[in-house]
Every structure is written in structure tokens, then in C-alpha cells.
Amino acid sequence: MGLDGEVWRLMRREEVLGEIVIDEADFPWLHGHFIPTPTFGEVRPWFDESLALMEAEEYQQFDTAYDRIANTLSLVAPSGAVAEFLLHISDDRAWFRWSDEPFEDG
């Protein structure tokens, strides 16, 4: 795919919360090394909670918890912000899928 080494940014408005350096593409997921900024600590609990709920297969609670991430944060590709994304972060790893169009509900 030619994405290795690309840097994606996790943003809160104009503030960079972290960078993801892509090192693996497994369609539709991209994986990479996550480099947090000091302010990422303010939202880290959101990612911890959503990942725990997903792993526990508590999908309805996951959707509710993840809405806070999706409604507050943005993911920016090298070419610009994406319309929608599903991002997981654990320690120094991040994996996500994204779309230039909103995901279909369903």
C-alpha cells in the first residue's frame, strides 16, 4: 500500500494529542507506533475504557463510550482530516480504520 512511515495525527481542535507512525497495513486496518504528547493523558482513559468494553464484547456500551472520542477528537492523515475513524490505542500501539465518507450505521 505504500503507507509505511506515514505520520497520522490525533487532534483535539488545533491541539496535537499524538502521532501514529504507520508500520503495517492490514486492510481495512492500519497499525502503527503511537507517540503521545503530554496532553494525551487527558483522553487516555477514554481509549482504555473503549478498548476494555470492546474486548469484553460489550458493544452497546462500547458505542456509547466511543462516541466521546469520535465527537471530540479528529484523525488527520498526511493529506488532511478524515471524515470518520475507528481508533484503538494501547500503550505505544495504535490501530485504526478510516473513511473519507461517514461510516454507514448499521
Protein backbone atom coordinates (compact mmCIF):
# COMPACT_ATOMS: atom_id res chain seq x y z
CA MET A 1 0.00 0.00 0.00
CA GLY A 2 2.94 2.34 0.40
CA LEU A 3 1.75 3.71 3.73
CA ASP A 4 4.75 2.64 5.84
CA GLY A 5 6.27 5.61 7.58
CA GLU A 6 3.30 7.91 7.06
CA VAL A 7 2.51 10.04 10.09
CA TRP A 8 -1.12 10.48 11.12
CA ARG A 9 -2.11 12.87 13.91
CA LEU A 10 -4.70 12.59 16.64
CA MET A 11 -6.10 16.06 17.25
CA ARG A 12 -8.38 17.89 19.67
CA ARG A 13 -9.33 21.02 17.74
CA GLU A 14 -5.93 22.56 16.88
CA GLU A 15 -4.00 20.61 19.54
CA VAL A 16 -1.93 17.55 18.60
CA LEU A 17 -2.52 14.75 21.13
CA GLY A 18 -0.29 12.22 19.44
CA GLU A 19 1.18 10.87 16.23
CA ILE A 20 0.83 7.44 14.68
CA VAL A 21 3.72 6.29 12.51
CA ILE A 22 2.28 3.62 10.22
CA ASP A 23 4.25 0.37 10.09
CA GLU A 24 1.62 -2.15 8.98
CA ALA A 25 -1.39 -2.16 6.69
CA ASP A 26 -3.91 -4.99 7.05
CA PHE A 27 -6.91 -3.76 5.06
CA PRO A 28 -9.08 -2.15 6.29
CA TRP A 29 -6.88 -1.52 9.35
CA LEU A 30 -3.70 0.50 9.61
CA HIS A 31 -1.33 -0.12 12.53
CA GLY A 32 1.48 1.95 13.89
CA HIS A 33 3.66 3.19 16.69
CA PHE A 34 1.81 5.76 18.81
CA ILE A 35 3.76 8.73 20.11
CA PRO A 36 1.65 10.67 22.62
CA THR A 37 2.08 14.30 23.56
CA PRO A 38 1.79 15.19 27.27
CA THR A 39 -1.83 16.27 26.81
CA PHE A 40 -2.84 12.82 25.52
CA GLY A 41 -3.05 11.78 29.17
CA GLU A 42 -6.26 13.80 29.42
CA VAL A 43 -8.04 11.47 26.97
CA ARG A 44 -6.14 8.21 27.51
CA PRO A 45 -8.87 6.93 29.88
CA TRP A 46 -11.37 7.21 27.02
CA PHE A 47 -9.28 4.83 24.91
CA ASP A 48 -8.65 2.47 27.84
CA GLU A 49 -12.39 2.28 28.54
CA SER A 50 -13.45 1.76 24.93
CA LEU A 51 -10.83 -0.96 24.37
CA ALA A 52 -11.85 -2.79 27.57
CA LEU A 53 -15.50 -2.70 26.52
CA MET A 54 -14.70 -3.96 23.03
CA GLU A 55 -12.59 -6.81 24.40
CA ALA A 56 -15.43 -7.70 26.80
CA GLU A 57 -17.80 -7.74 23.80
CA GLU A 58 -19.96 -5.07 25.45
CA TYR A 59 -20.70 -3.49 22.10
CA GLN A 60 -23.59 -1.22 23.10
CA GLN A 61 -21.53 0.29 25.94
CA PHE A 62 -18.56 0.48 23.57
CA ASP A 63 -20.58 2.54 21.09
CA THR A 64 -21.60 4.97 23.83
CA ALA A 65 -18.06 5.26 25.20
CA TYR A 66 -16.51 5.62 21.74
CA ASP A 67 -18.90 8.43 20.82
CA ARG A 68 -16.94 10.68 23.20
CA ILE A 69 -13.78 10.03 21.15
CA ALA A 70 -15.49 10.43 17.79
CA ASN A 71 -17.30 13.62 18.80
CA THR A 72 -14.30 15.33 20.42
CA LEU A 73 -11.21 14.20 18.53
CA SER A 74 -10.17 14.06 14.90
CA LEU A 75 -7.74 11.94 12.95
CA VAL A 76 -5.60 13.70 10.36
CA ALA A 77 -3.93 11.83 7.52
CA PRO A 78 -0.96 13.31 5.70
CA SER A 79 -3.48 14.55 3.12
CA GLY A 80 -5.84 16.10 5.70
CA ALA A 81 -8.57 15.26 8.20
CA VAL A 82 -10.67 12.15 7.59
CA ALA A 83 -14.47 12.18 7.84
CA GLU A 84 -14.74 9.24 10.20
CA PHE A 85 -12.45 6.81 12.01
CA LEU A 86 -12.37 3.96 14.49
CA LEU A 87 -9.17 4.20 16.53
CA HIS A 88 -7.80 1.98 19.28
CA ILE A 89 -4.71 2.83 21.33
CA SER A 90 -2.97 0.53 23.77
CA ASP A 91 0.39 1.51 25.25
CA ASP A 92 2.55 2.58 22.30
CA ARG A 93 0.46 0.91 19.59
CA ALA A 94 -2.46 2.28 17.62
CA TRP A 95 -4.68 0.65 15.04
CA PHE A 96 -7.49 2.22 13.10
CA ARG A 97 -9.72 2.23 10.09
CA TRP A 98 -10.91 5.40 8.43
CA SER A 99 -13.08 6.78 5.68
CA ASP A 100 -13.34 9.94 3.65
CA GLU A 101 -17.12 9.47 3.98
CA PRO A 102 -19.12 8.87 7.17
CA PHE A 103 -19.49 5.20 8.11
CA GLU A 104 -22.89 3.68 7.45
CA ASP A 105 -24.95 2.98 10.56
CA GLY A 106 -25.83 -0.49 10.90
